[in-house]
């Protein structure tokens, strides 16, 4: 999801679309956090919980944040590919070069449980 006014890029999953009484359209999404996002937010929140207990793959895995965000639909753009597969199949497809890629952007495929 790219915020058009700021250019900020945020990985997320679309949770819903709705319109208000004025006819404005909105998108509800859940943020997906990479390992770097987890570390950054961990420090920002001043959390004392040890990060070494995190079992995600720091390069290829993301986690979905609890909660959701709402943004006006005409203020964002985005695209994604979604595959329904388990972790083992993801890594097999990654190894074999069988994951979809966006040729216009240099992006790394990620796994989310």
Foldseek 3Di string as FASTA:
>chain_A
DAQQVPRDDFDWDWDDWDADPVGFIKTKTWTKAAPVRVVVVCVVVVPPDDPVVDDDDRPAATETDPDIDMDGPVRDDDDDDDDDDDPVVVVVCVVVVNDDDDPVDPDDHHDYD
